[in-house]
Structure formats: C-alpha cells, structure tokens
Amino acid sequence: VLRKKKASDGDRAITLLTNLKLTKSLAKTLAGVYRKRW
C-alpha cells in the first residue's frame, strides 16, 4: 500500500505478507482490513 501521506511512523509504503491465495478483489479487501486495524 503506497500511501499519499506518511503514516505516523514516517513510512509511506506498507507491505503486508499473507499465505492466502490472492486475487485483485481479495488484495483490496485485505488492505482495507489492515487499514481499519487502527
């Protein structure tokens, strides 16, 4: 996830690792879940 604004830790790029078999729609869902983790 390449953010337009820096996160609180100063990073713009967030890389998430998973053992799920990805599709585009699933990748979007997972990124949204991690975004809502806060």
Full PDB file with SEQRES, HELIX, SHEET, SSBOND, CRYST1, ORIGX, SCALE, CONECT and MASTER records, all heavy atoms in Angstrom:
SEQRES   1 A   38  VAL LEU ARG LYS LYS LYS ALA SER ASP GLY ASP ARG ALA          
SEQRES   2 A   38  ILE THR LEU LEU THR ASN LEU LYS LEU THR LYS SER LEU          
SEQRES   3 A   38  ALA LYS THR LEU ALA GLY VAL TYR ARG LYS ARG TRP              
HELIX    1 AA1 LYS A   24  ARG A   35  1                                  12    
CRYST1    1.000    1.000    1.000  90.00  90.00  90.00 P 1           1          
ORIGX1      1.000000  0.000000  0.000000        0.00000                         
ORIGX2      0.000000  1.000000  0.000000        0.00000                         
ORIGX3      0.000000  0.000000  1.000000        0.00000                         
SCALE1      1.000000  0.000000  0.000000        0.00000                         
SCALE2      0.000000  1.000000  0.000000        0.00000                         
SCALE3      0.000000  0.000000  1.000000        0.00000                         
ATOM      1  N   VAL A   1       0.867  -1.173   0.000  1.00  0.00           N  
ATOM      2  CA  VAL A   1       0.000   0.000   0.000  1.00  0.00           C  
ATOM      3  C   VAL A   1       0.906   1.226   0.000  1.00  0.00           C  
ATOM      4  O   VAL A   1       1.634   1.460   0.973  1.00  0.00           O  
ATOM      5  CB  VAL A   1      -0.934   0.014   1.233  1.00  0.00           C  
ATOM      6  CG1 VAL A   1      -1.840   1.236   1.203  1.00  0.00           C  
ATOM      7  CG2 VAL A   1      -1.749  -1.267   1.300  1.00  0.00           C  
ATOM      8  N   LEU A   2       0.877   1.976  -1.084  1.00  0.00           N  
ATOM      9  CA  LEU A   2       1.687   3.193  -1.199  1.00  0.00           C  
ATOM     10  C   LEU A   2       0.802   4.382  -0.854  1.00  0.00           C  
ATOM     11  O   LEU A   2      -0.047   4.798  -1.641  1.00  0.00           O  
ATOM     12  CB  LEU A   2       2.260   3.335  -2.608  1.00  0.00           C  
ATOM     13  CG  LEU A   2       3.232   4.496  -2.821  1.00  0.00           C  
ATOM     14  CD1 LEU A   2       4.456   4.344  -1.917  1.00  0.00           C  
ATOM     15  CD2 LEU A   2       3.657   4.589  -4.283  1.00  0.00           C  
ATOM     16  N   ARG A   3       0.983   4.899   0.334  1.00  0.00           N  
ATOM     17  CA  ARG A   3       0.143   5.984   0.833  1.00  0.00           C  
ATOM     18  C   ARG A   3       0.553   7.319   0.241  1.00  0.00           C  
ATOM     19  O   ARG A   3       1.728   7.556  -0.050  1.00  0.00           O  
ATOM     20  CB  ARG A   3       0.229   6.067   2.357  1.00  0.00           C  
ATOM     21  CG  ARG A   3      -0.264   4.831   3.074  1.00  0.00           C  
ATOM     22  CD  ARG A   3       0.141   4.852   4.530  1.00  0.00           C  
ATOM     23  NE  ARG A   3      -0.290   6.078   5.194  1.00  0.00           N  
ATOM     24  CZ  ARG A   3      -1.410   6.196   5.878  1.00  0.00           C  
ATOM     25  NH1 ARG A   3      -2.218   5.161   6.001  1.00  0.00           N  
ATOM     26  NH2 ARG A   3      -1.748   7.328   6.458  1.00  0.00           N  
ATOM     27  N   LYS A   4      -0.425   8.197   0.064  1.00  0.00           N  
ATOM     28  CA  LYS A   4      -0.125   9.550  -0.404  1.00  0.00           C  
ATOM     29  C   LYS A   4       0.467  10.397   0.710  1.00  0.00           C  
ATOM     30  O   LYS A   4       1.220  11.335   0.445  1.00  0.00           O  
ATOM     31  CB  LYS A   4      -1.392  10.203  -0.952  1.00  0.00           C  
ATOM     32  CG  LYS A   4      -1.908   9.557  -2.228  1.00  0.00           C  
ATOM     33  CD  LYS A   4      -3.130  10.287  -2.773  1.00  0.00           C  
ATOM     34  CE  LYS A   4      -3.607   9.644  -4.074  1.00  0.00           C  
ATOM     35  NZ  LYS A   4      -4.801  10.335  -4.624  1.00  0.00           N  
ATOM     36  N   LYS A   5       0.118  10.066   1.947  1.00  0.00           N  
ATOM     37  CA  LYS A   5       0.666  10.764   3.100  1.00  0.00           C  
ATOM     38  C   LYS A   5       1.435   9.771   3.957  1.00  0.00           C  
ATOM     39  O   LYS A   5       1.109   8.595   4.007  1.00  0.00           O  
ATOM     40  CB  LYS A   5      -0.448  11.412   3.935  1.00  0.00           C  
ATOM     41  CG  LYS A   5      -1.206  12.501   3.206  1.00  0.00           C  
ATOM     42  CD  LYS A   5      -2.261  13.121   4.122  1.00  0.00           C  
ATOM     43  CE  LYS A   5      -3.036  14.220   3.412  1.00  0.00           C  
ATOM     44  NZ  LYS A   5      -4.073  14.808   4.311  1.00  0.00           N  
ATOM     45  N   LYS A   6       2.435  10.263   4.646  1.00  0.00           N  
ATOM     46  CA  LYS A   6       3.223   9.396   5.512  1.00  0.00           C  
ATOM     47  C   LYS A   6       2.406   8.957   6.721  1.00  0.00           C  
ATOM     48  O   LYS A   6       1.580   9.705   7.235  1.00  0.00           O  
ATOM     49  CB  LYS A   6       4.488  10.122   5.989  1.00  0.00           C  
ATOM     50  CG  LYS A   6       5.514  10.364   4.894  1.00  0.00           C  
ATOM     51  CD  LYS A   6       6.756  11.005   5.472  1.00  0.00           C  
ATOM     52  CE  LYS A   6       7.802  11.218   4.384  1.00  0.00           C  
ATOM     53  NZ  LYS A   6       9.048  11.833   4.927  1.00  0.00           N  
ATOM     54  N   ALA A   7       2.640   7.719   7.141  1.00  0.00           N  
ATOM     55  CA  ALA A   7       1.986   7.215   8.343  1.00  0.00           C  
ATOM     56  C   ALA A   7       2.647   7.823   9.579  1.00  0.00           C  
ATOM     57  O   ALA A   7       3.625   8.577   9.487  1.00  0.00           O  
ATOM     58  CB  ALA A   7       2.069   5.692   8.382  1.00  0.00           C  
ATOM     59  N   SER A   8       2.115   7.483  10.755  1.00  0.00           N  
ATOM     60  CA  SER A   8       2.654   8.042  11.992  1.00  0.00           C  
ATOM     61  C   SER A   8       4.102   7.633  12.228  1.00  0.00           C  
ATOM     62  O   SER A   8       4.850   8.345  12.907  1.00  0.00           O  
ATOM     63  CB  SER A   8       1.797   7.591  13.186  1.00  0.00           C  
ATOM     64  OG  SER A   8       1.742   6.180  13.257  1.00  0.00           O  
ATOM     65  N   ASP A   9       4.522   6.467  11.674  1.00  0.00           N  
ATOM     66  CA  ASP A   9       5.898   6.028  11.841  1.00  0.00           C  
ATOM     67  C   ASP A   9       6.824   6.568  10.749  1.00  0.00           C  
ATOM     68  O   ASP A   9       8.000   6.216  10.697  1.00  0.00           O  
ATOM     69  CB  ASP A   9       5.975   4.503  11.862  1.00  0.00           C  
ATOM     70  CG  ASP A   9       5.324   3.875  10.627  1.00  0.00           C  
ATOM     71  OD1 ASP A   9       4.965   4.621   9.696  1.00  0.00           O  
ATOM     72  OD2 ASP A   9       5.168   2.641  10.602  1.00  0.00           O  
ATOM     73  N   GLY A  10       6.285   7.415   9.859  1.00  0.00           N  
ATOM     74  CA  GLY A  10       7.095   8.040   8.824  1.00  0.00           C  
ATOM     75  C   GLY A  10       7.167   7.286   7.509  1.00  0.00           C  
ATOM     76  O   GLY A  10       7.743   7.782   6.546  1.00  0.00           O  
ATOM     77  N   ASP A  11       6.573   6.087   7.452  1.00  0.00           N  
ATOM     78  CA  ASP A  11       6.619   5.280   6.222  1.00  0.00           C  
ATOM     79  C   ASP A  11       5.450   5.630   5.315  1.00  0.00           C  
ATOM     80  O   ASP A  11       4.320   5.820   5.767  1.00  0.00           O  
ATOM     81  CB  ASP A  11       6.566   3.786   6.549  1.00  0.00           C  
ATOM     82  CG  ASP A  11       7.823   3.319   7.267  1.00  0.00           C  
ATOM     83  OD1 ASP A  11       8.847   4.014   7.172  1.00  0.00           O  
ATOM     84  OD2 ASP A  11       7.758   2.265   7.930  1.00  0.00           O  
ATOM     85  N   ARG A  12       5.735   5.659   4.017  1.00  0.00           N  
ATOM     86  CA  ARG A  12       4.667   5.819   3.034  1.00  0.00           C  
ATOM     87  C   ARG A  12       4.234   4.479   2.475  1.00  0.00           C  
ATOM     88  O   ARG A  12       3.068   4.267   2.179  1.00  0.00           O  
ATOM     89  CB  ARG A  12       5.141   6.719   1.878  1.00  0.00           C  
ATOM     90  CG  ARG A  12       5.240   8.201   2.226  1.00  0.00           C  
ATOM     91  CD  ARG A  12       5.494   9.011   0.981  1.00  0.00           C  
ATOM     92  NE  ARG A  12       4.427   8.818   0.001  1.00  0.00           N  
ATOM     93  CZ  ARG A  12       4.555   9.088  -1.290  1.00  0.00           C  
ATOM     94  NH1 ARG A  12       5.704   9.502  -1.770  1.00  0.00           N  
ATOM     95  NH2 ARG A  12       3.537   8.913  -2.114  1.00  0.00           N  
ATOM     96  N   ALA A  13       5.169   3.546   2.325  1.00  0.00           N  
ATOM     97  CA  ALA A  13       4.864   2.228   1.781  1.00  0.00           C  
ATOM     98  C   ALA A  13       4.677   1.230   2.921  1.00  0.00           C  
ATOM     99  O   ALA A  13       5.516   1.128   3.815  1.00  0.00           O  
ATOM    100  CB  ALA A  13       5.963   1.763   0.844  1.00  0.00           C  
ATOM    101  N   ILE A  14       3.578   0.506   2.908  1.00  0.00           N  
ATOM    102  CA  ILE A  14       3.284  -0.530   3.896  1.00  0.00           C  
ATOM    103  C   ILE A  14       3.179  -1.851   3.146  1.00  0.00           C  
ATOM    104  O   ILE A  14       2.358  -1.988   2.233  1.00  0.00           O  
ATOM    105  CB  ILE A  14       1.978  -0.233   4.643  1.00  0.00           C  
ATOM    106  CG1 ILE A  14       2.096   1.084   5.422  1.00  0.00           C  
ATOM    107  CG2 ILE A  14       1.625  -1.375   5.589  1.00  0.00           C  
ATOM    108  CD1 ILE A  14       0.808   1.489   6.114  1.00  0.00           C  
ATOM    109  N   THR A  15       4.006  -2.832   3.511  1.00  0.00           N  
ATOM    110  CA  THR A  15       3.997  -4.140   2.875  1.00  0.00           C  
ATOM    111  C   THR A  15       3.409  -5.157   3.836  1.00  0.00           C  
ATOM    112  O   THR A  15       3.841  -5.265   4.988  1.00  0.00           O  
ATOM    113  CB  THR A  15       5.413  -4.564   2.455  1.00  0.00           C  
ATOM    114  OG1 THR A  15       5.941  -3.590   1.543  1.00  0.00           O  
ATOM    115  CG2 THR A  15       5.397  -5.919   1.776  1.00  0.00           C  
ATOM    116  N   LEU A  16       2.423  -5.898   3.355  1.00  0.00           N  
ATOM    117  CA  LEU A  16       1.726  -6.896   4.157  1.00  0.00           C  
ATOM    118  C   LEU A  16       1.971  -8.276   3.557  1.00  0.00           C  
ATOM    119  O   LEU A  16       1.823  -8.470   2.349  1.00  0.00           O  
ATOM    120  CB  LEU A  16       0.220  -6.609   4.180  1.00  0.00           C  
ATOM    121  CG  LEU A  16      -0.187  -5.179   4.559  1.00  0.00           C  
ATOM    122  CD1 LEU A  16      -1.677  -4.983   4.356  1.00  0.00           C  
ATOM    123  CD2 LEU A  16       0.199  -4.878   5.996  1.00  0.00           C  
ATOM    124  N   LEU A  17       2.347  -9.225   4.389  1.00  0.00           N  
ATOM    125  CA  LEU A  17       2.607 -10.589   3.942  1.00  0.00           C  
ATOM    126  C   LEU A  17       1.443 -11.490   4.340  1.00  0.00           C  
ATOM    127  O   LEU A  17       0.905 -11.371   5.444  1.00  0.00           O  
ATOM    128  CB  LEU A  17       3.900 -11.111   4.564  1.00  0.00           C  
ATOM    129  CG  LEU A  17       5.166 -10.301   4.263  1.00  0.00           C  
ATOM    130  CD1 LEU A  17       6.365 -10.879   5.005  1.00  0.00           C  
ATOM    131  CD2 LEU A  17       5.446 -10.257   2.770  1.00  0.00           C  
ATOM    132  N   THR A  18       1.069 -12.404   3.433  1.00  0.00           N  
ATOM    133  CA  THR A  18      -0.044 -13.298   3.694  1.00  0.00           C  
ATOM    134  C   THR A  18       0.170 -14.635   3.004  1.00  0.00           C  
ATOM    135  O   THR A  18       0.877 -14.723   1.996  1.00  0.00           O  
ATOM    136  CB  THR A  18      -1.377 -12.682   3.217  1.00  0.00           C  
ATOM    137  OG1 THR A  18      -2.452 -13.575   3.507  1.00  0.00           O  
ATOM    138  CG2 THR A  18      -1.353 -12.406   1.725  1.00  0.00           C  
ATOM    139  N   ASN A  19      -0.424 -15.690   3.554  1.00  0.00           N  
ATOM    140  CA  ASN A  19      -0.400 -17.002   2.926  1.00  0.00           C  
ATOM    141  C   ASN A  19      -1.728 -17.344   2.264  1.00  0.00           C  
ATOM    142  O   ASN A  19      -1.989 -18.502   1.933  1.00  0.00           O  
ATOM    143  CB  ASN A  19      -0.020 -18.088   3.939  1.00  0.00           C  
ATOM    144  CG  ASN A  19      -0.954 -18.105   5.147  1.00  0.00           C  
ATOM    145  OD1 ASN A  19      -1.834 -17.253   5.289  1.00  0.00           O  
ATOM    146  ND2 ASN A  19      -0.764 -19.076   6.025  1.00  0.00           N  
ATOM    147  N   LEU A  20      -2.591 -16.339   2.074  1.00  0.00           N  
ATOM    148  CA  LEU A  20      -3.816 -16.516   1.316  1.00  0.00           C  
ATOM    149  C   LEU A  20      -3.526 -16.418  -0.180  1.00  0.00           C  
ATOM    150  O   LEU A  20      -2.619 -15.683  -0.604  1.00  0.00           O  
ATOM    151  CB  LEU A  20      -4.849 -15.457   1.705  1.00  0.00           C  
ATOM    152  CG  LEU A  20      -5.550 -15.630   3.053  1.00  0.00           C  
ATOM    153  CD1 LEU A  20      -6.230 -14.337   3.460  1.00  0.00           C  
ATOM    154  CD2 LEU A  20      -6.554 -16.763   3.002  1.00  0.00           C  
ATOM    155  N   LYS A  21      -4.279 -17.137  -0.992  1.00  0.00           N  
ATOM    156  CA  LYS A  21      -4.150 -17.032  -2.440  1.00  0.00           C  
ATOM    157  C   LYS A  21      -4.880 -15.783  -2.895  1.00  0.00           C  
ATOM    158  O   LYS A  21      -6.092 -15.665  -2.755  1.00  0.00           O  
ATOM    159  CB  LYS A  21      -4.725 -18.276  -3.117  1.00  0.00           C  
ATOM    160  CG  LYS A  21      -3.941 -19.549  -2.813  1.00  0.00           C  
ATOM    161  CD  LYS A  21      -4.534 -20.734  -3.552  1.00  0.00           C  
ATOM    162  CE  LYS A  21      -3.730 -22.008  -3.261  1.00  0.00           C  
ATOM    163  NZ  LYS A  21      -4.302 -23.188  -3.970  1.00  0.00           N  
ATOM    164  N   LEU A  22      -4.105 -14.849  -3.467  1.00  0.00           N  
ATOM    165  CA  LEU A  22      -4.649 -13.524  -3.735  1.00  0.00           C  
ATOM    166  C   LEU A  22      -5.297 -13.421  -5.107  1.00  0.00           C  
ATOM    167  O   LEU A  22      -4.851 -14.016  -6.080  1.00  0.00           O  
ATOM    168  CB  LEU A  22      -3.551 -12.464  -3.626  1.00  0.00           C  
ATOM    169  CG  LEU A  22      -3.050 -12.114  -2.219  1.00  0.00           C  
ATOM    170  CD1 LEU A  22      -2.074 -10.958  -2.291  1.00  0.00           C  
ATOM    171  CD2 LEU A  22      -4.202 -11.766  -1.291  1.00  0.00           C  
ATOM    172  N   THR A  23      -6.355 -12.653  -5.148  1.00  0.00           N  
ATOM    173  CA  THR A  23      -6.910 -12.084  -6.370  1.00  0.00           C  
ATOM    174  C   THR A  23      -6.932 -10.576  -6.169  1.00  0.00           C  
ATOM    175  O   THR A  23      -6.666 -10.092  -5.057  1.00  0.00           O  
ATOM    176  CB  THR A  23      -8.336 -12.606  -6.624  1.00  0.00           C  
ATOM    177  OG1 THR A  23      -9.172 -12.196  -5.521  1.00  0.00           O  
ATOM    178  CG2 THR A  23      -8.346 -14.124  -6.745  1.00  0.00           C  
ATOM    179  N   LYS A  24      -7.247  -9.826  -7.199  1.00  0.00           N  
ATOM    180  CA  LYS A  24      -7.269  -8.369  -7.046  1.00  0.00           C  
ATOM    181  C   LYS A  24      -8.312  -7.940  -6.013  1.00  0.00           C  
ATOM    182  O   LYS A  24      -8.052  -7.065  -5.173  1.00  0.00           O  
ATOM    183  CB  LYS A  24      -7.542  -7.715  -8.395  1.00  0.00           C  
ATOM    184  CG  LYS A  24      -6.370  -7.739  -9.352  1.00  0.00           C  
ATOM    185  CD  LYS A  24      -6.664  -6.896 -10.583  1.00  0.00           C  
ATOM    186  CE  LYS A  24      -5.451  -6.853 -11.512  1.00  0.00           C  
ATOM    187  NZ  LYS A  24      -5.693  -6.010 -12.705  1.00  0.00           N  
ATOM    188  N   SER A  25      -9.472  -8.536  -6.071  1.00  0.00           N  
ATOM    189  CA  SER A  25     -10.523  -8.142  -5.128  1.00  0.00           C  
ATOM    190  C   SER A  25     -10.155  -8.517  -3.690  1.00  0.00           C  
ATOM    191  O   SER A  25     -10.398  -7.752  -2.754  1.00  0.00           O  
ATOM    192  CB  SER A  25     -11.854  -8.795  -5.517  1.00  0.00           C  
ATOM    193  OG  SER A  25     -11.746 -10.211  -5.491  1.00  0.00           O  
ATOM    194  N   LEU A  26      -9.536  -9.697  -3.529  1.00  0.00           N  
ATOM    195  CA  LEU A  26      -9.139 -10.106  -2.184  1.00  0.00           C  
ATOM    196  C   LEU A  26      -8.018  -9.230  -1.651  1.00  0.00           C  
ATOM    197  O   LEU A  26      -8.003  -8.868  -0.467  1.00  0.00           O  
ATOM    198  CB  LEU A  26      -8.707 -11.577  -2.183  1.00  0.00           C  
ATOM    199  CG  LEU A  26      -8.292 -12.154  -0.830  1.00  0.00           C  
ATOM    200  CD1 LEU A  26      -9.400 -11.998   0.196  1.00  0.00           C  
ATOM    201  CD2 LEU A  26      -7.874 -13.616  -0.963  1.00  0.00           C  
ATOM    202  N   ALA A  27      -7.056  -8.875  -2.518  1.00  0.00           N  
ATOM    203  CA  ALA A  27      -5.972  -7.997  -2.086  1.00  0.00           C  
ATOM    204  C   ALA A  27      -6.516  -6.650  -1.624  1.00  0.00           C  
ATOM    205  O   ALA A  27      -6.049  -6.073  -0.625  1.00  0.00           O  
ATOM    206  CB  ALA A  27      -4.974  -7.811  -3.225  1.00  0.00           C  
ATOM    207  N   LYS A  28      -7.514  -6.148  -2.294  1.00  0.00           N  
ATOM    208  CA  LYS A  28      -8.128  -4.879  -1.893  1.00  0.00           C  
ATOM    209  C   LYS A  28      -8.827  -5.022  -0.549  1.00  0.00           C  
ATOM    210  O   LYS A  28      -8.745  -4.142   0.325  1.00  0.00           O  
ATOM    211  CB  LYS A  28      -9.126  -4.427  -2.959  1.00  0.00           C  
ATOM    212  CG  LYS A  28      -9.772  -3.078  -2.670  1.00  0.00           C  
ATOM    213  CD  LYS A  28     -10.707  -2.674  -3.797  1.00  0.00           C  
ATOM    214  CE  LYS A  28     -11.363  -1.328  -3.500  1.00  0.00           C  
ATOM    215  NZ  LYS A  28     -12.284  -0.922  -4.600  1.00  0.00           N  
ATOM    216  N   THR A  29      -9.514  -6.166  -0.362  1.00  0.00           N  
ATOM    217  CA  THR A  29     -10.190  -6.412   0.909  1.00  0.00           C  
ATOM    218  C   THR A  29      -9.198  -6.490   2.069  1.00  0.00           C  
ATOM    219  O   THR A  29      -9.405  -5.889   3.130  1.00  0.00           O  
ATOM    220  CB  THR A  29     -11.002  -7.718   0.843  1.00  0.00           C  
ATOM    221  OG1 THR A  29     -11.993  -7.606  -0.185  1.00  0.00           O  
ATOM    222  CG2 THR A  29     -11.679  -8.010   2.166  1.00  0.00           C  
ATOM    223  N   LEU A  30      -8.083  -7.217   1.857  1.00  0.00           N  
ATOM    224  CA  LEU A  30      -7.091  -7.369   2.918  1.00  0.00           C  
ATOM    225  C   LEU A  30      -6.456  -6.040   3.272  1.00  0.00           C  
ATOM    226  O   LEU A  30      -6.225  -5.734   4.448  1.00  0.00           O  
ATOM    227  CB  LEU A  30      -6.026  -8.373   2.496  1.00  0.00           C  
ATOM    228  CG  LEU A  30      -6.484  -9.802   2.189  1.00  0.00           C  
ATOM    229  CD1 LEU A  30      -5.283 -10.711   1.956  1.00  0.00           C  
ATOM    230  CD2 LEU A  30      -7.349 -10.351   3.299  1.00  0.00           C  
ATOM    231  N   ALA A  31      -6.142  -5.243   2.254  1.00  0.00           N  
ATOM    232  CA  ALA A  31      -5.556  -3.921   2.532  1.00  0.00           C  
ATOM    233  C   ALA A  31      -6.529  -3.054   3.321  1.00  0.00           C  
ATOM    234  O   ALA A  31      -6.124  -2.319   4.235  1.00  0.00           O  
ATOM    235  CB  ALA A  31      -5.171  -3.243   1.218  1.00  0.00           C  
ATOM    236  N   GLY A  32      -7.824  -3.159   2.987  1.00  0.00           N  
ATOM    237  CA  GLY A  32      -8.815  -2.388   3.730  1.00  0.00           C  
ATOM    238  C   GLY A  32      -8.930  -2.833   5.173  1.00  0.00           C  
ATOM    239  O   GLY A  32      -9.096  -2.011   6.073  1.00  0.00           O  
ATOM    240  N   VAL A  33      -8.832  -4.153   5.405  1.00  0.00           N  
ATOM    241  CA  VAL A  33      -8.893  -4.663   6.776  1.00  0.00           C  
ATOM    242  C   VAL A  33      -7.720  -4.139   7.592  1.00  0.00           C  
ATOM    243  O   VAL A  33      -7.880  -3.707   8.745  1.00  0.00           O  
ATOM    244  CB  VAL A  33      -8.917  -6.203   6.776  1.00  0.00           C  
ATOM    245  CG1 VAL A  33      -8.694  -6.746   8.188  1.00  0.00           C  
ATOM    246  CG2 VAL A  33     -10.235  -6.710   6.222  1.00  0.00           C  
ATOM    247  N   TYR A  34      -6.518  -4.152   7.000  1.00  0.00           N  
ATOM    248  CA  TYR A  34      -5.364  -3.682   7.766  1.00  0.00           C  
ATOM    249  C   TYR A  34      -5.439  -2.178   8.005  1.00  0.00           C  
ATOM    250  O   TYR A  34      -5.019  -1.686   9.049  1.00  0.00           O  
ATOM    251  CB  TYR A  34      -4.063  -4.028   7.050  1.00  0.00           C  
ATOM    252  CG  TYR A  34      -2.860  -3.920   7.965  1.00  0.00           C  
ATOM    253  CD1 TYR A  34      -2.480  -4.988   8.761  1.00  0.00           C  
ATOM    254  CD2 TYR A  34      -2.148  -2.733   8.076  1.00  0.00           C  
ATOM    255  CE1 TYR A  34      -1.411  -4.894   9.631  1.00  0.00           C  
ATOM    256  CE2 TYR A  34      -1.078  -2.623   8.946  1.00  0.00           C  
ATOM    257  CZ  TYR A  34      -0.711  -3.708   9.723  1.00  0.00           C  
ATOM    258  OH  TYR A  34       0.334  -3.591  10.591  1.00  0.00           O  
ATOM    259  N   ARG A  35      -5.976  -1.451   7.039  1.00  0.00           N  
ATOM    260  CA  ARG A  35      -6.149  -0.011   7.241  1.00  0.00           C  
ATOM    261  C   ARG A  35      -7.070   0.278   8.421  1.00  0.00           C  
ATOM    262  O   ARG A  35      -6.876   1.237   9.164  1.00  0.00           O  
ATOM    263  CB  ARG A  35      -6.728   0.629   5.976  1.00  0.00           C  
ATOM    264  CG  ARG A  35      -5.718   0.864   4.855  1.00  0.00           C  
ATOM    265  CD  ARG A  35      -6.441   1.382   3.637  1.00  0.00           C  
ATOM    266  NE  ARG A  35      -5.538   1.785   2.580  1.00  0.00           N  
ATOM    267  CZ  ARG A  35      -5.931   2.195   1.374  1.00  0.00           C  
ATOM    268  NH1 ARG A  35      -7.219   2.227   1.091  1.00  0.00           N  
ATOM    269  NH2 ARG A  35      -5.050   2.550   0.464  1.00  0.00           N  
ATOM    270  N   LYS A  36      -8.089  -0.575   8.589  1.00  0.00           N  
ATOM    271  CA  LYS A  36      -9.045  -0.361   9.671  1.00  0.00           C  
ATOM    272  C   LYS A  36      -8.540  -0.910  11.000  1.00  0.00           C  
ATOM    273  O   LYS A  36      -9.225  -0.764  12.020  1.00  0.00           O  
ATOM    274  CB  LYS A  36     -10.382  -1.015   9.325  1.00  0.00           C  
ATOM    275  CG  LYS A  36     -11.113  -0.333   8.179  1.00  0.00           C  
ATOM    276  CD  LYS A  36     -12.437  -1.016   7.894  1.00  0.00           C  
ATOM    277  CE  LYS A  36     -13.185  -0.334   6.757  1.00  0.00           C  
ATOM    278  NZ  LYS A  36     -14.468  -1.004   6.459  1.00  0.00           N  
ATOM    279  N   ARG A  37      -7.384  -1.552  10.984  1.00  0.00           N  
ATOM    280  CA  ARG A  37      -6.871  -2.134  12.217  1.00  0.00           C  
ATOM    281  C   ARG A  37      -6.670  -1.076  13.299  1.00  0.00           C  
ATOM    282  O   ARG A  37      -6.871  -1.350  14.485  1.00  0.00           O  
ATOM    283  CB  ARG A  37      -5.550  -2.843  11.932  1.00  0.00           C  
ATOM    284  CG  ARG A  37      -4.959  -3.552  13.140  1.00  0.00           C  
ATOM    285  CD  ARG A  37      -3.692  -4.294  12.762  1.00  0.00           C  
ATOM    286  NE  ARG A  37      -3.135  -4.960  13.908  1.00  0.00           N  
ATOM    287  CZ  ARG A  37      -2.287  -4.383  14.775  1.00  0.00           C  
ATOM    288  NH1 ARG A  37      -1.907  -3.141  14.575  1.00  0.00           N  
ATOM    289  NH2 ARG A  37      -1.828  -5.049  15.815  1.00  0.00           N  
ATOM    290  N   TRP A  38      -6.313   0.128  12.893  1.00  0.00           N  
ATOM    291  CA  TRP A  38      -6.110   1.189  13.880  1.00  0.00           C  
ATOM    292  C   TRP A  38      -7.420   1.522  14.597  1.00  0.00           C  
ATOM    293  O   TRP A  38      -7.410   1.942  15.762  1.00  0.00           O  
ATOM    294  CB  TRP A  38      -5.554   2.441  13.214  1.00  0.00           C  
ATOM    295  CG  TRP A  38      -6.544   3.150  12.335  1.00  0.00           C  
ATOM    296  CD1 TRP A  38      -6.755   2.953  11.000  1.00  0.00           C  
ATOM    297  CD2 TRP A  38      -7.471   4.167  12.730  1.00  0.00           C  
ATOM    298  NE1 TRP A  38      -7.763   3.766  10.551  1.00  0.00           N  
ATOM    299  CE2 TRP A  38      -8.214   4.534  11.583  1.00  0.00           C  
ATOM    300  CE3 TRP A  38      -7.756   4.804  13.938  1.00  0.00           C  
ATOM    301  CZ2 TRP A  38      -9.209   5.500  11.603  1.00  0.00           C  
ATOM    302  CZ3 TRP A  38      -8.759   5.772  13.968  1.00  0.00           C  
ATOM    303  CH2 TRP A  38      -9.465   6.118  12.804  1.00  0.00           C  
TER     304      TRP A  38                                                      
MASTER        0    0    0    1    0    0    0    6  303    1    0    3          
END                                                                             
